[in-house]
Amino acid sequence: MIRIRVTGTGWSGGPSLNTFYFTSPTEDSAAVDECVVRVRAGWLAMAANIPGSVIHNVVPEVDIVDPVTGNITNTIPATTPGAPLVGAAPNTFLPLATAACLTYSTGTFIAGRRVRGRAFISPLTAFTAEANGTPASDLIVAMQAMGTALMGVAATSPLVVWHRPKEGGTPGSTALVLSTSVKDSFAVLRSRRD
């Protein structure tokens, strides 16, 4: 399984980390580069909704992870991780705990529940919210474009949700993402200590 990480800096309360998982029959440089290109395209689709002081970087060292155990089995450098992804919106922020949420749907069931995943994108510029507190239509369109980019068209390394192994319980596994969706509401991020 290919793990792509994106770090974010440029605001009080940062940094951030987003992680995306893909599966590939080859797990080589070509597969890594394909996934990196799709992750970058997703972030570029969001640029107009992210304040200009915020910078995201694709971590060039891409880990290959055994989904069953969670152990890293290899690290492959991305050939072209690309330049930093800089926000293109005014430097006015929504509350920092506010995030747009991209939901991943799969056809996999574990213990009677459908495996789902989420990506939380934050911080966002204040202009991404309507007066009633819901996401602006441009933000929803951008999040849908991000989902499309991550899924790829006829991708040889599809996007997956990783169901982590549980100590003394079930082994880890991957679930193929069949679709992505965006709700007309914001997510609120909380620390595990909250």
N, C-alpha and C. Protein backbone atom coordinates (compact mmCIF):
# COMPACT_ATOMS: atom_id res chain seq x y z
N MET A 1 0.85 -1.17 0.00
CA MET A 1 0.00 0.00 0.00
C MET A 1 0.90 1.23 0.00
N ILE A 2 0.53 2.22 -0.80
CA ILE A 2 1.30 3.46 -0.94
C ILE A 2 0.70 4.52 -0.03
N ARG A 3 1.55 5.14 0.79
CA ARG A 3 1.09 6.20 1.70
C ARG A 3 1.70 7.53 1.27
N ILE A 4 0.82 8.48 0.91
CA ILE A 4 1.26 9.83 0.52
C ILE A 4 0.85 10.77 1.65
N ARG A 5 1.81 11.55 2.13
CA ARG A 5 1.52 12.51 3.19
C ARG A 5 1.68 13.94 2.67
N VAL A 6 0.82 14.83 3.16
CA VAL A 6 0.87 16.25 2.81
C VAL A 6 0.92 17.05 4.11
N THR A 7 1.97 17.86 4.26
CA THR A 7 2.10 18.70 5.45
C THR A 7 1.65 20.12 5.12
N GLY A 8 1.11 20.80 6.10
CA GLY A 8 0.68 22.18 5.92
C GLY A 8 1.24 23.08 7.00
N THR A 9 1.65 24.30 6.62
CA THR A 9 2.17 25.29 7.56
C THR A 9 1.64 26.66 7.15
N GLY A 10 1.86 27.66 8.03
CA GLY A 10 1.55 29.03 7.67
C GLY A 10 0.40 29.64 8.45
N TRP A 11 0.05 29.08 9.60
CA TRP A 11 -1.01 29.66 10.43
C TRP A 11 -0.77 29.26 11.87
N SER A 12 -1.32 30.05 12.78
CA SER A 12 -1.22 29.76 14.20
C SER A 12 -2.05 28.51 14.49
N GLY A 13 -1.44 27.53 15.12
CA GLY A 13 -2.13 26.28 15.39
C GLY A 13 -1.67 25.16 14.47
N GLY A 14 -0.88 25.50 13.43
CA GLY A 14 -0.35 24.48 12.54
C GLY A 14 0.79 23.75 13.22
N PRO A 15 1.41 22.81 12.60
CA PRO A 15 1.21 22.36 11.23
C PRO A 15 0.08 21.32 11.14
N SER A 16 -0.20 20.92 9.89
CA SER A 16 -1.21 19.89 9.65
C SER A 16 -0.58 18.73 8.91
N LEU A 17 -1.27 17.61 8.93
CA LEU A 17 -0.84 16.43 8.19
C LEU A 17 -2.07 15.74 7.62
N ASN A 18 -2.07 15.54 6.31
CA ASN A 18 -3.11 14.75 5.65
C ASN A 18 -2.43 13.52 5.05
N THR A 19 -3.08 12.37 5.15
CA THR A 19 -2.52 11.12 4.64
C THR A 19 -3.51 10.48 3.68
N PHE A 20 -2.98 10.01 2.55
CA PHE A 20 -3.79 9.36 1.52
C PHE A 20 -3.17 8.01 1.21
N TYR A 21 -4.03 7.00 1.00
CA TYR A 21 -3.55 5.64 0.76
C TYR A 21 -4.03 5.15 -0.60
N PHE A 22 -3.14 4.43 -1.28
CA PHE A 22 -3.43 3.87 -2.59
C PHE A 22 -2.91 2.44 -2.61
N THR A 23 -3.50 1.62 -3.45
CA THR A 23 -2.99 0.26 -3.61
C THR A 23 -2.47 0.11 -5.03
N SER A 24 -1.46 -0.72 -5.19
CA SER A 24 -0.83 -0.89 -6.50
C SER A 24 -0.25 -2.29 -6.60
N PRO A 25 -0.37 -2.91 -7.77
CA PRO A 25 0.24 -4.23 -7.93
C PRO A 25 1.77 -4.15 -8.00
N THR A 26 2.31 -2.96 -8.29
CA THR A 26 3.76 -2.85 -8.47
C THR A 26 4.47 -2.17 -7.32
N GLU A 27 3.85 -1.17 -6.68
CA GLU A 27 4.47 -0.42 -5.58
C GLU A 27 5.88 0.02 -5.94
N ASP A 28 6.03 0.60 -7.13
CA ASP A 28 7.33 1.07 -7.60
C ASP A 28 7.29 2.58 -7.82
N SER A 29 8.38 3.13 -8.39
CA SER A 29 8.48 4.57 -8.61
C SER A 29 7.36 5.09 -9.51
N ALA A 30 7.01 4.34 -10.53
CA ALA A 30 5.95 4.79 -11.44
C ALA A 30 4.62 4.90 -10.71
N ALA A 31 4.31 3.93 -9.86
CA ALA A 31 3.06 3.96 -9.10
C ALA A 31 3.08 5.11 -8.10
N VAL A 32 4.21 5.29 -7.42
CA VAL A 32 4.35 6.39 -6.47
C VAL A 32 4.12 7.73 -7.17
N ASP A 33 4.75 7.92 -8.32
CA ASP A 33 4.61 9.20 -9.04
C ASP A 33 3.18 9.42 -9.51
N GLU A 34 2.49 8.35 -9.95
CA GLU A 34 1.09 8.49 -10.35
C GLU A 34 0.25 8.99 -9.17
N CYS A 35 0.47 8.43 -7.99
CA CYS A 35 -0.30 8.83 -6.81
C CYS A 35 0.03 10.25 -6.38
N VAL A 36 1.30 10.61 -6.42
CA VAL A 36 1.71 11.97 -6.05
C VAL A 36 1.06 12.99 -6.98
N VAL A 37 1.03 12.72 -8.26
CA VAL A 37 0.40 13.64 -9.23
C VAL A 37 -1.07 13.82 -8.89
N ARG A 38 -1.76 12.77 -8.53
CA ARG A 38 -3.19 12.87 -8.20
C ARG A 38 -3.42 13.64 -6.90
N VAL A 39 -2.56 13.42 -5.91
CA VAL A 39 -2.69 14.17 -4.65
C VAL A 39 -2.45 15.65 -4.90
N ARG A 40 -1.41 15.97 -5.68
CA ARG A 40 -1.14 17.39 -6.00
C ARG A 40 -2.32 18.01 -6.75
N ALA A 41 -2.90 17.28 -7.69
CA ALA A 41 -4.05 17.80 -8.44
C ALA A 41 -5.22 18.09 -7.51
N GLY A 42 -5.41 17.22 -6.52
CA GLY A 42 -6.47 17.46 -5.55
C GLY A 42 -6.26 18.73 -4.75
N TRP A 43 -5.02 18.94 -4.29
CA TRP A 43 -4.74 20.17 -3.52
C TRP A 43 -4.83 21.41 -4.41
N LEU A 44 -4.39 21.29 -5.64
CA LEU A 44 -4.50 22.44 -6.55
C LEU A 44 -5.96 22.82 -6.80
N ALA A 45 -6.85 21.84 -6.84
CA ALA A 45 -8.28 22.12 -7.01
C ALA A 45 -8.82 22.92 -5.83
N MET A 46 -8.17 22.82 -4.67
CA MET A 46 -8.63 23.51 -3.46
C MET A 46 -7.98 24.87 -3.25
N ALA A 47 -7.00 25.24 -4.05
CA ALA A 47 -6.16 26.43 -3.79
C ALA A 47 -6.97 27.70 -3.58
N ALA A 48 -8.02 27.91 -4.35
CA ALA A 48 -8.81 29.15 -4.25
C ALA A 48 -9.59 29.23 -2.94
N ASN A 49 -9.61 28.19 -2.15
CA ASN A 49 -10.33 28.15 -0.88
C ASN A 49 -9.40 28.17 0.33
N ILE A 50 -8.11 28.21 0.08
CA ILE A 50 -7.10 28.15 1.14
C ILE A 50 -6.38 29.49 1.21
N PRO A 51 -6.24 30.06 2.43
CA PRO A 51 -5.58 31.36 2.56
C PRO A 51 -4.16 31.35 1.97
N GLY A 52 -3.74 32.51 1.44
CA GLY A 52 -2.45 32.63 0.76
C GLY A 52 -1.24 32.39 1.63
N SER A 53 -1.37 32.53 2.95
CA SER A 53 -0.22 32.27 3.83
C SER A 53 -0.01 30.79 4.09
N VAL A 54 -0.97 29.97 3.69
CA VAL A 54 -0.91 28.52 3.97
C VAL A 54 -0.18 27.81 2.84
N ILE A 55 0.79 27.00 3.22
CA ILE A 55 1.60 26.26 2.25
C ILE A 55 1.51 24.77 2.57
N HIS A 56 1.17 23.98 1.55
CA HIS A 56 1.15 22.52 1.69
C HIS A 56 2.27 21.92 0.83
N ASN A 57 2.88 20.90 1.36
CA ASN A 57 3.95 20.19 0.65
C ASN A 57 3.67 18.70 0.66
N VAL A 58 3.81 18.08 -0.51
CA VAL A 58 3.77 16.62 -0.58
C VAL A 58 5.12 16.12 -0.07
N VAL A 59 5.09 15.27 0.95
CA VAL A 59 6.34 14.72 1.50
C VAL A 59 6.97 13.84 0.42
N PRO A 60 8.22 14.16 -0.01
CA PRO A 60 8.80 13.43 -1.14
C PRO A 60 9.16 11.99 -0.83
N GLU A 61 9.35 11.64 0.45
CA GLU A 61 9.65 10.25 0.81
C GLU A 61 8.32 9.52 1.00
N VAL A 62 7.99 8.64 0.08
CA VAL A 62 6.71 7.95 0.08
C VAL A 62 6.92 6.55 0.65
N ASP A 63 6.16 6.24 1.69
CA ASP A 63 6.30 4.95 2.35
C ASP A 63 5.39 3.90 1.71
N ILE A 64 5.92 2.69 1.64
CA ILE A 64 5.15 1.52 1.25
C ILE A 64 4.83 0.79 2.56
N VAL A 65 3.54 0.59 2.83
CA VAL A 65 3.10 0.05 4.10
C VAL A 65 2.40 -1.29 3.87
N ASP A 66 2.71 -2.26 4.70
CA ASP A 66 1.99 -3.54 4.67
C ASP A 66 0.65 -3.29 5.35
N PRO A 67 -0.47 -3.36 4.62
CA PRO A 67 -1.76 -3.03 5.23
C PRO A 67 -2.18 -4.01 6.33
N VAL A 68 -1.68 -5.22 6.29
CA VAL A 68 -2.07 -6.22 7.29
C VAL A 68 -1.45 -5.91 8.64
N THR A 69 -0.17 -5.52 8.65
CA THR A 69 0.54 -5.28 9.91
C THR A 69 0.72 -3.81 10.25
N GLY A 70 0.70 -2.96 9.21
CA GLY A 70 0.99 -1.54 9.42
C GLY A 70 2.47 -1.21 9.38
N ASN A 71 3.30 -2.23 9.12
CA ASN A 71 4.75 -2.00 9.08
C ASN A 71 5.15 -1.36 7.75
N ILE A 72 6.10 -0.43 7.83
CA ILE A 72 6.67 0.17 6.62
C ILE A 72 7.66 -0.83 6.05
N THR A 73 7.50 -1.15 4.76
CA THR A 73 8.36 -2.15 4.13
C THR A 73 9.36 -1.54 3.16
N ASN A 74 9.13 -0.28 2.77
CA ASN A 74 10.04 0.38 1.82
C ASN A 74 9.71 1.86 1.82
N THR A 75 10.67 2.66 1.39
CA THR A 75 10.44 4.09 1.16
C THR A 75 10.98 4.41 -0.23
N ILE A 76 10.12 5.01 -1.05
CA ILE A 76 10.49 5.34 -2.42
C ILE A 76 10.38 6.85 -2.59
N PRO A 77 11.47 7.51 -3.02
CA PRO A 77 11.36 8.96 -3.23
C PRO A 77 10.52 9.27 -4.46
N ALA A 78 9.61 10.24 -4.32
CA ALA A 78 8.84 10.68 -5.48
C ALA A 78 9.79 11.35 -6.46
N THR A 79 9.66 11.03 -7.74
CA THR A 79 10.55 11.62 -8.75
C THR A 79 10.32 13.11 -8.84
N THR A 80 9.05 13.52 -8.81
CA THR A 80 8.73 14.96 -8.90
C THR A 80 7.67 15.31 -7.87
N PRO A 81 8.07 15.51 -6.59
CA PRO A 81 7.08 15.87 -5.58
C PRO A 81 6.46 17.23 -5.85
N GLY A 82 7.15 18.05 -6.64
CA GLY A 82 6.58 19.34 -7.06
C GLY A 82 6.84 20.45 -6.06
N ALA A 83 6.55 21.66 -6.54
CA ALA A 83 6.74 22.86 -5.74
C ALA A 83 5.70 22.90 -4.62
N PRO A 84 5.94 23.73 -3.59
CA PRO A 84 4.94 23.88 -2.54
C PRO A 84 3.59 24.32 -3.13
N LEU A 85 2.52 23.86 -2.51
CA LEU A 85 1.16 24.20 -2.93
C LEU A 85 0.68 25.35 -2.06
N VAL A 86 0.65 26.54 -2.63
CA VAL A 86 0.35 27.76 -1.88
C VAL A 86 -1.12 28.13 -2.08
N GLY A 87 -1.79 28.47 -0.98
CA GLY A 87 -3.18 28.91 -1.07
C GLY A 87 -3.30 30.15 -1.93
N ALA A 88 -4.46 30.33 -2.56
CA ALA A 88 -4.66 31.45 -3.48
C ALA A 88 -5.78 32.37 -3.03
N ALA A 89 -6.26 32.21 -1.78
CA ALA A 89 -7.37 33.03 -1.29
C ALA A 89 -6.86 34.11 -0.34
N PRO A 90 -7.67 35.12 -0.06
CA PRO A 90 -7.27 36.14 0.91
C PRO A 90 -6.96 35.52 2.27
N ASN A 91 -6.10 36.21 3.02
CA ASN A 91 -5.66 35.71 4.33
C ASN A 91 -6.66 36.03 5.43
N THR A 92 -7.89 35.67 5.21
CA THR A 92 -8.92 35.75 6.25
C THR A 92 -9.35 34.31 6.50
N PHE A 93 -9.35 33.92 7.75
CA PHE A 93 -9.55 32.51 8.09
C PHE A 93 -10.92 32.26 8.70
N LEU A 94 -11.52 31.12 8.34
CA LEU A 94 -12.62 30.59 9.14
C LEU A 94 -12.02 30.15 10.47
N PRO A 95 -12.82 29.92 11.50
CA PRO A 95 -12.25 29.37 12.73
C PRO A 95 -11.39 28.14 12.40
N LEU A 96 -10.22 28.06 13.01
CA LEU A 96 -9.24 27.05 12.61
C LEU A 96 -9.71 25.61 12.81
N ALA A 97 -10.70 25.39 13.67
CA ALA A 97 -11.22 24.03 13.86
C ALA A 97 -12.23 23.65 12.78
N THR A 98 -12.55 24.58 11.88
CA THR A 98 -13.53 24.34 10.83
C THR A 98 -12.84 23.74 9.61
N ALA A 99 -13.39 22.67 9.09
CA ALA A 99 -12.78 22.00 7.94
C ALA A 99 -13.84 21.55 6.95
N ALA A 100 -13.44 21.47 5.70
CA ALA A 100 -14.27 20.82 4.69
C ALA A 100 -13.99 19.33 4.78
N CYS A 101 -15.01 18.51 4.57
CA CYS A 101 -14.87 17.07 4.74
C CYS A 101 -15.21 16.35 3.44
N LEU A 102 -14.25 15.58 2.95
CA LEU A 102 -14.45 14.72 1.79
C LEU A 102 -14.62 13.30 2.32
N THR A 103 -15.76 12.68 2.02
CA THR A 103 -16.06 11.34 2.53
C THR A 103 -15.82 10.31 1.43
N TYR A 104 -15.13 9.22 1.80
CA TYR A 104 -14.87 8.11 0.87
C TYR A 104 -15.85 6.98 1.17
N SER A 105 -16.51 6.48 0.14
CA SER A 105 -17.41 5.33 0.28
C SER A 105 -16.77 4.10 -0.36
N THR A 106 -16.91 2.97 0.31
CA THR A 106 -16.38 1.72 -0.21
C THR A 106 -17.50 0.68 -0.25
N GLY A 107 -17.22 -0.45 -0.84
CA GLY A 107 -18.17 -1.56 -0.85
C GLY A 107 -17.75 -2.66 0.10
N THR A 108 -16.84 -2.34 1.03
CA THR A 108 -16.28 -3.32 1.95
C THR A 108 -16.97 -3.21 3.31
N PHE A 109 -17.29 -4.37 3.88
CA PHE A 109 -17.92 -4.41 5.20
C PHE A 109 -17.04 -5.20 6.15
N ILE A 110 -16.84 -4.65 7.34
CA ILE A 110 -16.09 -5.34 8.39
C ILE A 110 -16.93 -5.28 9.66
N ALA A 111 -17.14 -6.43 10.27
CA ALA A 111 -17.95 -6.54 11.50
C ALA A 111 -19.32 -5.89 11.32
N GLY A 112 -19.91 -6.09 10.14
CA GLY A 112 -21.25 -5.59 9.89
C GLY A 112 -21.36 -4.11 9.60
N ARG A 113 -20.22 -3.44 9.39
CA ARG A 113 -20.26 -2.01 9.09
C ARG A 113 -19.48 -1.71 7.81
N ARG A 114 -20.02 -0.77 7.04
CA ARG A 114 -19.33 -0.36 5.81
C ARG A 114 -18.09 0.45 6.17
N VAL A 115 -16.99 0.13 5.52
CA VAL A 115 -15.75 0.89 5.73
C VAL A 115 -15.87 2.21 4.98
N ARG A 116 -15.65 3.30 5.69
CA ARG A 116 -15.65 4.64 5.09
C ARG A 116 -14.39 5.37 5.53
N GLY A 117 -14.06 6.39 4.79
CA GLY A 117 -12.91 7.20 5.14
C GLY A 117 -13.24 8.67 4.95
N ARG A 118 -12.37 9.52 5.45
CA ARG A 118 -12.59 10.97 5.32
C ARG A 118 -11.26 11.68 5.19
N ALA A 119 -11.31 12.79 4.47
CA ALA A 119 -10.19 13.73 4.42
C ALA A 119 -10.73 15.07 4.89
N PHE A 120 -10.05 15.68 5.85
CA PHE A 120 -10.45 16.98 6.38
C PHE A 120 -9.48 18.03 5.85
N ILE A 121 -10.01 19.04 5.18
CA ILE A 121 -9.18 20.08 4.58
C ILE A 121 -9.38 21.37 5.36
N SER A 122 -8.29 21.86 5.92
CA SER A 122 -8.30 23.04 6.77
C SER A 122 -6.88 23.58 6.83
N PRO A 123 -6.65 24.86 7.06
CA PRO A 123 -7.62 25.92 7.26
C PRO A 123 -8.21 26.42 5.94
N LEU A 124 -9.36 27.09 6.07
CA LEU A 124 -10.07 27.61 4.91
C LEU A 124 -10.22 29.12 5.04
N THR A 125 -10.32 29.79 3.90
CA THR A 125 -10.55 31.22 3.93
C THR A 125 -11.99 31.51 4.35
N ALA A 126 -12.23 32.66 4.95
CA ALA A 126 -13.56 33.03 5.44
C ALA A 126 -14.59 33.06 4.32
N PHE A 127 -14.15 33.29 3.09
CA PHE A 127 -15.09 33.41 1.97
C PHE A 127 -15.67 32.06 1.53
N THR A 128 -15.24 30.99 2.17
CA THR A 128 -15.78 29.67 1.81
C THR A 128 -17.08 29.35 2.54
N ALA A 129 -17.53 30.26 3.42
CA ALA A 129 -18.76 30.03 4.17
C ALA A 129 -19.85 31.00 3.71
N GLU A 130 -21.06 30.47 3.58
CA GLU A 130 -22.22 31.31 3.30
C GLU A 130 -22.64 32.03 4.60
N ALA A 131 -23.51 33.02 4.46
CA ALA A 131 -23.98 33.78 5.62
C ALA A 131 -24.67 32.88 6.64
N ASN A 132 -25.27 31.77 6.18
CA ASN A 132 -25.96 30.86 7.10
C ASN A 132 -25.04 29.82 7.73
N GLY A 133 -23.73 29.90 7.44
CA GLY A 133 -22.76 29.01 8.06
C GLY A 133 -22.49 27.72 7.31
N THR A 134 -23.09 27.55 6.15
CA THR A 134 -22.84 26.35 5.34
C THR A 134 -21.73 26.63 4.33
N PRO A 135 -21.12 25.59 3.77
CA PRO A 135 -20.06 25.81 2.78
C PRO A 135 -20.60 26.50 1.52
N ALA A 136 -19.80 27.42 0.98
CA ALA A 136 -20.15 28.08 -0.27
C ALA A 136 -20.13 27.05 -1.40
N SER A 137 -20.91 27.29 -2.44
CA SER A 137 -20.99 26.34 -3.55
C SER A 137 -19.63 26.13 -4.21
N ASP A 138 -18.80 27.19 -4.29
CA ASP A 138 -17.47 27.04 -4.89
C ASP A 138 -16.61 26.07 -4.10
N LEU A 139 -16.74 26.08 -2.78
CA LEU A 139 -15.99 25.14 -1.94
C LEU A 139 -16.45 23.71 -2.19
N ILE A 140 -17.75 23.50 -2.28
CA ILE A 140 -18.27 22.15 -2.54
C ILE A 140 -17.79 21.65 -3.89
N VAL A 141 -17.81 22.52 -4.91
CA VAL A 141 -17.33 22.13 -6.24
C VAL A 141 -15.84 21.77 -6.18
N ALA A 142 -15.05 22.57 -5.44
CA ALA A 142 -13.61 22.30 -5.32
C ALA A 142 -13.36 20.99 -4.60
N MET A 143 -14.13 20.70 -3.55
CA MET A 143 -13.96 19.43 -2.84
C MET A 143 -14.32 18.25 -3.72
N GLN A 144 -15.38 18.41 -4.53
CA GLN A 144 -15.74 17.34 -5.46
C GLN A 144 -14.63 17.13 -6.49
N ALA A 145 -14.00 18.23 -6.94
CA ALA A 145 -12.88 18.11 -7.87
C ALA A 145 -11.69 17.43 -7.22
N MET A 146 -11.48 17.70 -5.93
CA MET A 146 -10.41 17.03 -5.21
C MET A 146 -10.67 15.53 -5.16
N GLY A 147 -11.90 15.14 -4.87
CA GLY A 147 -12.25 13.72 -4.84
C GLY A 147 -12.03 13.05 -6.19
N THR A 148 -12.41 13.73 -7.26
CA THR A 148 -12.22 13.20 -8.61
C THR A 148 -10.74 13.01 -8.90
N ALA A 149 -9.92 14.01 -8.51
CA ALA A 149 -8.47 13.92 -8.75
C ALA A 149 -7.86 12.76 -7.97
N LEU A 150 -8.25 12.59 -6.71
CA LEU A 150 -7.70 11.50 -5.90
C LEU A 150 -8.10 10.14 -6.45
N MET A 151 -9.32 10.02 -6.95
CA MET A 151 -9.77 8.73 -7.50
C MET A 151 -9.05 8.43 -8.81
N GLY A 152 -8.78 9.46 -9.62
CA GLY A 152 -8.12 9.26 -10.90
C GLY A 152 -9.06 8.65 -11.92
N VAL A 153 -8.70 8.80 -13.16
CA VAL A 153 -9.48 8.21 -14.26
C VAL A 153 -8.73 6.97 -14.72
N ALA A 154 -9.35 5.82 -14.62
CA ALA A 154 -8.72 4.55 -14.98
C ALA A 154 -7.37 4.41 -14.27
N ALA A 155 -7.34 4.78 -12.99
CA ALA A 155 -6.10 4.75 -12.23
C ALA A 155 -5.61 3.31 -12.05
N THR A 156 -4.31 3.12 -12.23
CA THR A 156 -3.74 1.79 -11.99
C THR A 156 -3.41 1.59 -10.51
N SER A 157 -3.39 2.69 -9.76
CA SER A 157 -3.16 2.62 -8.32
C SER A 157 -4.34 3.31 -7.63
N PRO A 158 -5.44 2.58 -7.39
CA PRO A 158 -6.64 3.21 -6.87
C PRO A 158 -6.53 3.69 -5.42
N LEU A 159 -7.33 4.70 -5.11
CA LEU A 159 -7.46 5.23 -3.76
C LEU A 159 -8.15 4.19 -2.87
N VAL A 160 -7.64 4.03 -1.64
CA VAL A 160 -8.22 3.08 -0.71
C VAL A 160 -8.36 3.71 0.67
N VAL A 161 -9.21 3.10 1.47
CA VAL A 161 -9.29 3.39 2.90
C VAL A 161 -8.55 2.27 3.60
N TRP A 162 -7.67 2.63 4.51
CA TRP A 162 -6.94 1.62 5.27
C TRP A 162 -7.67 1.35 6.58
N HIS A 163 -8.06 0.11 6.77
CA HIS A 163 -8.63 -0.34 8.04
C HIS A 163 -7.46 -0.88 8.85
N ARG A 164 -7.03 -0.11 9.83
CA ARG A 164 -5.82 -0.45 10.58
C ARG A 164 -5.99 -1.75 11.37
N PRO A 165 -4.87 -2.47 11.57
CA PRO A 165 -4.94 -3.68 12.39
C PRO A 165 -5.24 -3.31 13.85
N LYS A 166 -5.93 -4.20 14.53
CA LYS A 166 -6.23 -3.97 15.94
C LYS A 166 -5.42 -4.96 16.76
N GLU A 167 -4.80 -4.45 17.81
CA GLU A 167 -3.97 -5.30 18.65
C GLU A 167 -4.80 -6.44 19.24
N GLY A 168 -4.38 -7.66 18.97
CA GLY A 168 -5.09 -8.81 19.46
C GLY A 168 -6.41 -9.07 18.75
N GLY A 169 -6.66 -8.33 17.67
CA GLY A 169 -7.93 -8.46 16.96
C GLY A 169 -7.72 -8.73 15.48
N THR A 170 -8.48 -8.02 14.67
CA THR A 170 -8.45 -8.26 13.23
C THR A 170 -7.19 -7.68 12.60
N PRO A 171 -6.69 -8.34 11.56
CA PRO A 171 -5.56 -7.77 10.82
C PRO A 171 -6.03 -6.57 10.00
N GLY A 172 -5.09 -5.77 9.57
CA GLY A 172 -5.43 -4.62 8.74
C GLY A 172 -5.81 -5.06 7.33
N SER A 173 -6.47 -4.15 6.61
CA SER A 173 -6.87 -4.44 5.24
C SER A 173 -7.14 -3.12 4.52
N THR A 174 -7.29 -3.21 3.21
CA THR A 174 -7.64 -2.02 2.44
C THR A 174 -9.03 -2.20 1.84
N ALA A 175 -9.72 -1.07 1.65
CA ALA A 175 -11.04 -1.07 1.04
C ALA A 175 -11.01 -0.08 -0.12
N LEU A 176 -11.31 -0.54 -1.30
CA LEU A 176 -11.29 0.29 -2.50
C LEU A 176 -12.35 1.38 -2.41
N VAL A 177 -11.94 2.64 -2.67
CA VAL A 177 -12.88 3.76 -2.67
C VAL A 177 -13.67 3.72 -3.97
N LEU A 178 -14.99 3.63 -3.86
CA LEU A 178 -15.86 3.57 -5.03
C LEU A 178 -16.38 4.95 -5.43
N SER A 179 -16.52 5.84 -4.45
CA SER A 179 -16.99 7.19 -4.73
C SER A 179 -16.60 8.12 -3.59
N THR A 180 -16.64 9.42 -3.88
CA THR A 180 -16.40 10.43 -2.85
C THR A 180 -17.61 11.36 -2.83
N SER A 181 -17.85 11.99 -1.68
CA SER A 181 -18.97 12.91 -1.57
C SER A 181 -18.62 14.03 -0.59
N VAL A 182 -19.36 15.13 -0.70
CA VAL A 182 -19.15 16.29 0.16
C VAL A 182 -20.51 16.71 0.72
N LYS A 183 -20.60 16.85 2.04
CA LYS A 183 -21.85 17.31 2.65
C LYS A 183 -21.91 18.83 2.62
N ASP A 184 -23.12 19.35 2.67
CA ASP A 184 -23.32 20.80 2.72
C ASP A 184 -23.25 21.28 4.17
N SER A 185 -22.16 20.89 4.83
CA SER A 185 -21.90 21.33 6.21
C SER A 185 -20.41 21.20 6.48
N PHE A 186 -19.93 21.95 7.45
CA PHE A 186 -18.52 21.88 7.81
C PHE A 186 -18.30 20.82 8.89
N ALA A 187 -17.08 20.32 8.94
CA ALA A 187 -16.66 19.44 10.02
C ALA A 187 -15.95 20.29 11.06
N VAL A 188 -15.95 19.84 12.30
CA VAL A 188 -15.23 20.54 13.38
C VAL A 188 -14.14 19.60 13.86
N LEU A 189 -12.91 20.04 13.75
CA LEU A 189 -11.77 19.22 14.15
C LEU A 189 -11.52 19.39 15.64
N ARG A 190 -11.26 18.28 16.31
CA ARG A 190 -10.95 18.31 17.73
C ARG A 190 -9.71 17.52 18.00
N SER A 191 -8.99 17.92 19.01
CA SER A 191 -7.83 17.18 19.46
C SER A 191 -8.31 15.90 20.14
N ARG A 192 -7.49 14.87 20.14
CA ARG A 192 -7.84 13.64 20.87
C ARG A 192 -7.93 13.91 22.36
N ARG A 193 -7.35 15.03 22.80
CA ARG A 193 -7.38 15.38 24.22
C ARG A 193 -8.64 16.18 24.58
N ASP A 194 -9.44 16.57 23.58
CA ASP A 194 -10.67 17.35 23.87
C ASP A 194 -11.73 16.48 24.51
